[in-house]
Amino acid sequence: MISADRLRGHVAALVANGPRCGDLPGVPAALRYITDELSSLGLVVRVERYGGELHDVNLVAEIEGGTSDDAVELCAHWDTVEDTPGADDNASGVAGVLEAARALRDLDLPARTIRFCLFGGEEDGFQGSTAHVGQITPGTESIVFEMIGRTSPTQAAPSFLLDPPTVGDFIALVADPASAGLADAFASAAAPNLPTFPLIIPVEAMDVVLRSDHVPYWASGRRSLLVTDTAEYRNPDYHQPTDTLDSLDLDFAARVTAAAVRTITRLAG
């Protein structure tokens, strides 16, 4: 069972030392926390360096698969922009990955490896995920948590959507056409406890959603699903100092994480 209280504890620890960017104290504190949490689950944490700065780091752990070289990855970026504690963006996503790892660690040997990826450099052009995608097999696919902690009585939407939801009580599932099956799988796993809004993006609307770590997967022809509370379309604290723990709905985040666990269990075989 995914615990909202444990999610709260993860977010609290991640935001405690301020923004997670550059050479700020929040960076080493977050990296230590993520490493310690995954290690406490009995997982081996691998450091992927993609640049010369101390913050140019991905943290990766996995449950090894039995019969396939390909993996199913659950991903989130740990970094923030300046001047925000980044509770929703994206401590909520990191917390979800950590709790999913807890739920999946005792899974009987899956056919495909299950990999947990915490990326740096998302806020600087997806640097960490771009480097990571260059190292994985062509059949590896991913679910990317990008802000999973906000609900709202109101909901905005991009202009290309016809009759979009007006209440922010759902999780958006954003896919390119090749990844539509991932959106279907997640929506099925989420029902009936979590409303979803699957969105298969047409080419003419791609610029609206090319904003997170799913982008390098799509660009390389791999399947990836963006799972998001829709950022500024719902969250007025997006990239602001007010993106704090007390603004989050962690029961909602727990339901999102539970749906991801069920989806990954099915995908990994």
Protein backbone atom coordinates (compact mmCIF):
# COMPACT_ATOMS: atom_id res chain seq x y z
CA MET A 1 0.00 0.00 0.00
CA ILE A 2 1.28 3.46 -0.88
CA SER A 3 1.37 5.72 2.16
CA ALA A 4 0.49 9.41 1.90
CA ASP A 5 2.34 9.90 5.19
CA ARG A 6 5.55 8.44 3.76
CA LEU A 7 5.15 10.61 0.67
CA ARG A 8 4.82 13.61 2.98
CA GLY A 9 8.03 12.63 4.76
CA HIS A 10 9.95 12.36 1.49
CA VAL A 11 8.73 15.74 0.24
CA ALA A 12 9.51 17.36 3.61
CA ALA A 13 13.07 16.03 3.50
CA LEU A 14 13.62 17.13 -0.10
CA VAL A 15 12.38 20.69 0.40
CA ALA A 16 14.04 21.19 3.81
CA ASN A 17 17.27 22.62 2.39
CA GLY A 18 15.81 24.96 -0.21
CA PRO A 19 16.14 24.97 -4.01
CA ARG A 20 17.89 22.01 -5.63
CA CYS A 21 20.01 23.63 -8.32
CA GLY A 22 23.59 24.69 -9.02
CA ASP A 23 25.85 24.63 -5.98
CA LEU A 24 23.09 25.32 -3.45
CA PRO A 25 22.92 23.21 -0.25
CA GLY A 26 19.69 21.58 -1.39
CA VAL A 27 21.54 19.61 -4.06
CA PRO A 28 23.86 17.40 -1.97
CA ALA A 29 21.18 17.06 0.69
CA ALA A 30 18.66 15.76 -1.87
CA LEU A 31 21.17 13.40 -3.47
CA ARG A 32 22.11 11.96 -0.08
CA TYR A 33 18.48 11.53 0.88
CA ILE A 34 17.51 9.76 -2.35
CA THR A 35 20.55 7.49 -2.16
CA ASP A 36 19.90 6.60 1.47
CA GLU A 37 16.23 5.85 0.86
CA LEU A 38 16.86 3.56 -2.12
CA SER A 39 19.75 1.86 -0.34
CA SER A 40 17.55 1.22 2.70
CA LEU A 41 15.28 -0.82 0.42
CA GLY A 42 18.18 -3.10 -0.47
CA LEU A 43 18.66 -1.55 -3.89
CA VAL A 44 22.08 -0.71 -5.31
CA VAL A 45 22.25 2.93 -6.36
CA ARG A 46 24.30 3.80 -9.43
CA VAL A 47 25.55 7.33 -10.02
CA GLU A 48 25.36 8.46 -13.64
CA ARG A 49 27.46 11.58 -14.21
CA TYR A 50 26.71 13.54 -17.36
CA GLY A 51 28.85 16.67 -16.84
CA GLY A 52 31.64 18.21 -14.85
CA GLU A 53 29.57 20.01 -12.19
CA LEU A 54 28.75 18.36 -8.88
CA HIS A 55 25.02 18.64 -9.64
CA ASP A 56 25.33 16.89 -13.03
CA VAL A 57 24.09 13.63 -11.54
CA ASN A 58 21.42 11.02 -12.15
CA LEU A 59 20.73 8.39 -9.50
CA VAL A 60 19.57 5.00 -10.79
CA ALA A 61 18.54 1.77 -9.07
CA GLU A 62 16.88 -1.32 -10.45
CA ILE A 63 15.18 -4.63 -9.84
CA GLU A 64 16.83 -6.94 -12.34
CA GLY A 65 14.63 -8.74 -14.85
CA GLY A 66 14.91 -12.36 -15.76
CA THR A 67 14.33 -12.81 -19.47
CA SER A 68 14.62 -9.47 -21.27
CA ASP A 69 17.37 -6.94 -21.84
CA ASP A 70 14.78 -4.15 -21.89
CA ALA A 71 13.48 -2.26 -18.88
CA VAL A 72 10.43 -0.43 -17.64
CA GLU A 73 11.59 2.80 -16.00
CA LEU A 74 9.85 5.03 -13.48
CA CYS A 75 11.45 8.47 -13.59
CA ALA A 76 11.34 11.88 -11.94
CA HIS A 77 13.69 14.85 -11.86
CA TRP A 78 15.11 15.90 -8.51
CA ASP A 79 16.28 19.41 -9.50
CA THR A 80 14.41 22.72 -9.28
CA VAL A 81 14.67 26.20 -10.68
CA GLU A 82 16.10 28.90 -8.44
CA ASP A 83 14.05 30.45 -5.64
CA THR A 84 11.59 27.60 -5.16
CA PRO A 85 11.57 24.67 -2.73
CA GLY A 86 9.89 22.68 -5.50
CA ALA A 87 7.42 20.66 -3.43
CA ASP A 88 5.18 19.82 -6.38
CA ASP A 89 7.89 20.45 -8.99
CA ASN A 90 9.22 17.90 -8.47
CA ALA A 91 9.68 16.60 -4.96
CA SER A 92 6.22 15.06 -5.37
CA GLY A 93 7.46 13.04 -8.33
CA VAL A 94 10.64 11.93 -6.55
CA ALA A 95 8.59 10.89 -3.52
CA GLY A 96 6.37 8.84 -5.82
CA VAL A 97 9.37 7.04 -7.31
CA LEU A 98 10.75 6.26 -3.85
CA GLU A 99 7.44 4.84 -2.65
CA ALA A 100 6.96 2.85 -5.85
CA ALA A 101 10.40 1.34 -5.28
CA ARG A 102 9.31 0.33 -1.78
CA ALA A 103 6.16 -1.31 -3.16
CA LEU A 104 7.94 -3.13 -5.99
CA ARG A 105 11.15 -4.26 -4.28
CA ASP A 106 9.75 -7.66 -3.23
CA LEU A 107 8.18 -8.41 -6.60
CA ASP A 108 8.85 -11.91 -7.89
CA LEU A 109 11.51 -11.84 -10.58
CA PRO A 110 10.00 -9.80 -13.42
CA ALA A 111 10.66 -10.60 -17.06
CA ARG A 112 11.85 -7.05 -17.68
CA THR A 113 14.09 -5.01 -15.42
CA ILE A 114 12.29 -2.36 -13.38
CA ARG A 115 14.48 0.73 -13.13
CA PHE A 116 14.06 3.79 -10.93
CA CYS A 117 15.64 6.93 -12.39
CA LEU A 118 16.06 10.24 -10.58
CA PHE A 119 17.31 12.73 -13.13
CA GLY A 120 19.25 15.95 -12.73
CA GLY A 121 19.19 18.80 -15.21
CA GLU A 122 15.54 18.64 -16.22
CA GLU A 123 15.24 22.36 -15.66
CA ASP A 124 18.28 22.90 -17.91
CA GLY A 125 17.05 21.19 -21.04
CA PHE A 126 16.63 17.57 -19.89
CA GLN A 127 20.38 17.08 -19.61
CA GLY A 128 20.26 14.12 -17.25
CA SER A 129 17.56 12.17 -19.05
CA THR A 130 19.17 12.86 -22.43
CA ALA A 131 22.42 11.35 -21.22
CA HIS A 132 20.61 8.40 -19.68
CA VAL A 133 18.62 7.58 -22.80
CA GLY A 134 21.88 7.25 -24.70
CA GLN A 135 22.79 4.27 -22.48
CA ILE A 136 19.63 2.14 -22.55
CA THR A 137 18.25 -0.52 -24.89
CA PRO A 138 15.90 0.48 -27.73
CA GLY A 139 12.98 -1.42 -26.19
CA THR A 140 13.18 0.30 -22.82
CA GLU A 141 10.15 2.44 -22.04
CA SER A 142 9.34 4.85 -19.24
CA ILE A 143 6.75 6.48 -17.05
CA VAL A 144 7.78 10.00 -16.06
CA PHE A 145 6.38 11.63 -12.93
CA GLU A 146 6.30 15.41 -13.47
CA MET A 147 4.38 17.04 -10.60
CA ILE A 148 1.85 14.62 -9.14
CA GLY A 149 0.85 16.43 -5.93
CA ARG A 150 -1.73 19.14 -6.67
CA THR A 151 -5.49 19.10 -6.96
CA SER A 152 -7.66 22.17 -7.40
CA PRO A 153 -11.33 23.17 -7.71
CA THR A 154 -10.39 24.88 -10.98
CA GLN A 155 -8.44 23.71 -14.01
CA ALA A 156 -7.16 25.54 -17.08
CA ALA A 157 -6.04 23.91 -20.33
CA PRO A 158 -4.11 24.54 -23.54
CA SER A 159 -6.15 26.24 -26.23
CA PHE A 160 -6.08 23.28 -28.63
CA LEU A 161 -8.19 21.12 -26.29
CA LEU A 162 -11.91 20.97 -26.97
CA ASP A 163 -14.15 20.62 -23.91
CA PRO A 164 -11.30 20.07 -21.41
CA PRO A 165 -11.90 19.28 -17.72
CA THR A 166 -12.61 22.31 -15.54
CA VAL A 167 -11.91 20.70 -12.14
CA GLY A 168 -8.36 19.70 -11.24
CA ASP A 169 -9.10 16.33 -9.69
CA PHE A 170 -7.48 14.13 -12.36
CA ILE A 171 -3.98 13.08 -13.40
CA ALA A 172 -3.08 13.82 -17.01
CA LEU A 173 -1.50 11.03 -19.07
CA VAL A 174 0.38 12.60 -21.96
CA ALA A 175 1.65 10.41 -24.78
CA ASP A 176 2.81 10.67 -28.36
CA PRO A 177 1.01 8.28 -30.74
CA ALA A 178 3.64 5.56 -30.30
CA SER A 179 3.16 5.66 -26.53
CA ALA A 180 -0.63 5.56 -26.51
CA GLY A 181 -0.59 2.01 -25.17
CA LEU A 182 1.16 3.21 -22.02
CA ALA A 183 -1.59 5.77 -21.44
CA ASP A 184 -4.21 3.04 -21.87
CA ALA A 185 -2.40 0.76 -19.44
CA PHE A 186 -2.08 3.48 -16.79
CA ALA A 187 -5.72 4.58 -17.14
CA SER A 188 -6.84 0.98 -16.70
CA ALA A 189 -4.66 0.58 -13.61
CA ALA A 190 -5.96 3.85 -12.15
CA ALA A 191 -9.66 3.03 -12.45
CA PRO A 192 -11.92 3.46 -10.57
CA ASN A 193 -10.09 5.27 -7.75
CA LEU A 194 -8.21 7.91 -9.74
CA PRO A 195 -9.68 10.05 -12.54
CA THR A 196 -7.37 10.26 -15.54
CA PHE A 197 -7.22 12.44 -18.63
CA PRO A 198 -5.34 10.55 -21.37
CA LEU A 199 -4.05 12.91 -24.02
CA ILE A 200 -2.46 11.62 -27.21
CA ILE A 201 -0.70 14.65 -28.60
CA PRO A 202 -1.02 15.50 -32.30
CA VAL A 203 2.07 16.79 -34.04
CA GLU A 204 0.74 20.34 -34.25
CA ALA A 205 0.44 20.55 -30.45
CA MET A 206 3.78 19.02 -29.51
CA ASP A 207 5.36 22.30 -28.41
CA VAL A 208 2.93 22.48 -25.47
CA VAL A 209 4.17 19.23 -23.91
CA LEU A 210 7.86 19.04 -24.85
CA ARG A 211 8.79 20.19 -21.37
CA SER A 212 9.98 17.24 -19.28
CA ASP A 213 12.07 14.10 -19.20
CA HIS A 214 9.81 12.14 -21.53
CA VAL A 215 11.17 14.24 -24.39
CA PRO A 216 14.48 12.36 -24.92
CA TYR A 217 12.58 9.07 -24.99
CA TRP A 218 10.18 10.31 -27.65
CA ALA A 219 13.03 11.89 -29.63
CA SER A 220 14.87 8.56 -29.73
CA GLY A 221 11.78 6.59 -30.78
CA ARG A 222 11.16 5.05 -27.37
CA ARG A 223 7.79 4.87 -25.65
CA SER A 224 7.30 7.20 -22.68
CA LEU A 225 4.29 8.41 -20.72
CA LEU A 226 4.21 11.79 -18.97
CA VAL A 227 2.15 11.61 -15.78
CA THR A 228 1.40 15.12 -14.52
CA ASP A 229 -0.99 17.28 -12.54
CA THR A 230 -0.60 19.75 -15.46
CA ALA A 231 1.79 22.25 -13.83
CA GLU A 232 0.73 25.88 -14.29
CA TYR A 233 -2.62 24.88 -15.78
CA ARG A 234 -3.57 23.88 -12.22
CA ASN A 235 -0.83 25.02 -9.88
CA PRO A 236 -0.46 28.81 -9.41
CA ASP A 237 2.70 28.17 -7.37
CA TYR A 238 4.56 26.60 -10.29
CA HIS A 239 8.24 27.74 -10.20
CA GLN A 240 7.45 30.07 -7.29
CA PRO A 241 8.69 30.34 -3.69
CA THR A 242 5.17 29.29 -2.68
CA ASP A 243 5.51 25.75 -4.12
CA THR A 244 5.53 24.31 -0.60
CA LEU A 245 4.55 21.09 1.13
CA ASP A 246 1.38 22.49 2.65
CA SER A 247 -0.07 23.08 -0.82
CA LEU A 248 -0.01 19.40 -1.79
CA ASP A 249 -2.73 16.76 -1.83
CA LEU A 250 -0.70 13.70 -0.89
CA ASP A 251 -3.66 11.34 -0.83
CA PHE A 252 -3.98 12.16 -4.53
CA ALA A 253 -0.24 11.59 -5.05
CA ALA A 254 -0.55 8.23 -3.29
CA ARG A 255 -3.29 7.16 -5.70
CA VAL A 256 -1.15 8.24 -8.66
CA THR A 257 1.79 6.25 -7.32
CA ALA A 258 -0.34 3.19 -6.66
CA ALA A 259 -1.61 3.28 -10.25
CA ALA A 260 1.98 3.50 -11.50
CA VAL A 261 2.93 0.46 -9.40
CA ARG A 262 0.09 -1.56 -10.90
CA THR A 263 0.99 -0.40 -14.41
CA ILE A 264 4.66 -1.27 -14.02
CA THR A 265 3.85 -4.67 -12.54
CA ARG A 266 1.84 -5.50 -15.67
CA LEU A 267 4.38 -4.06 -18.10
CA ALA A 268 7.32 -5.85 -16.50
CA GLY A 269 5.59 -9.19 -16.71
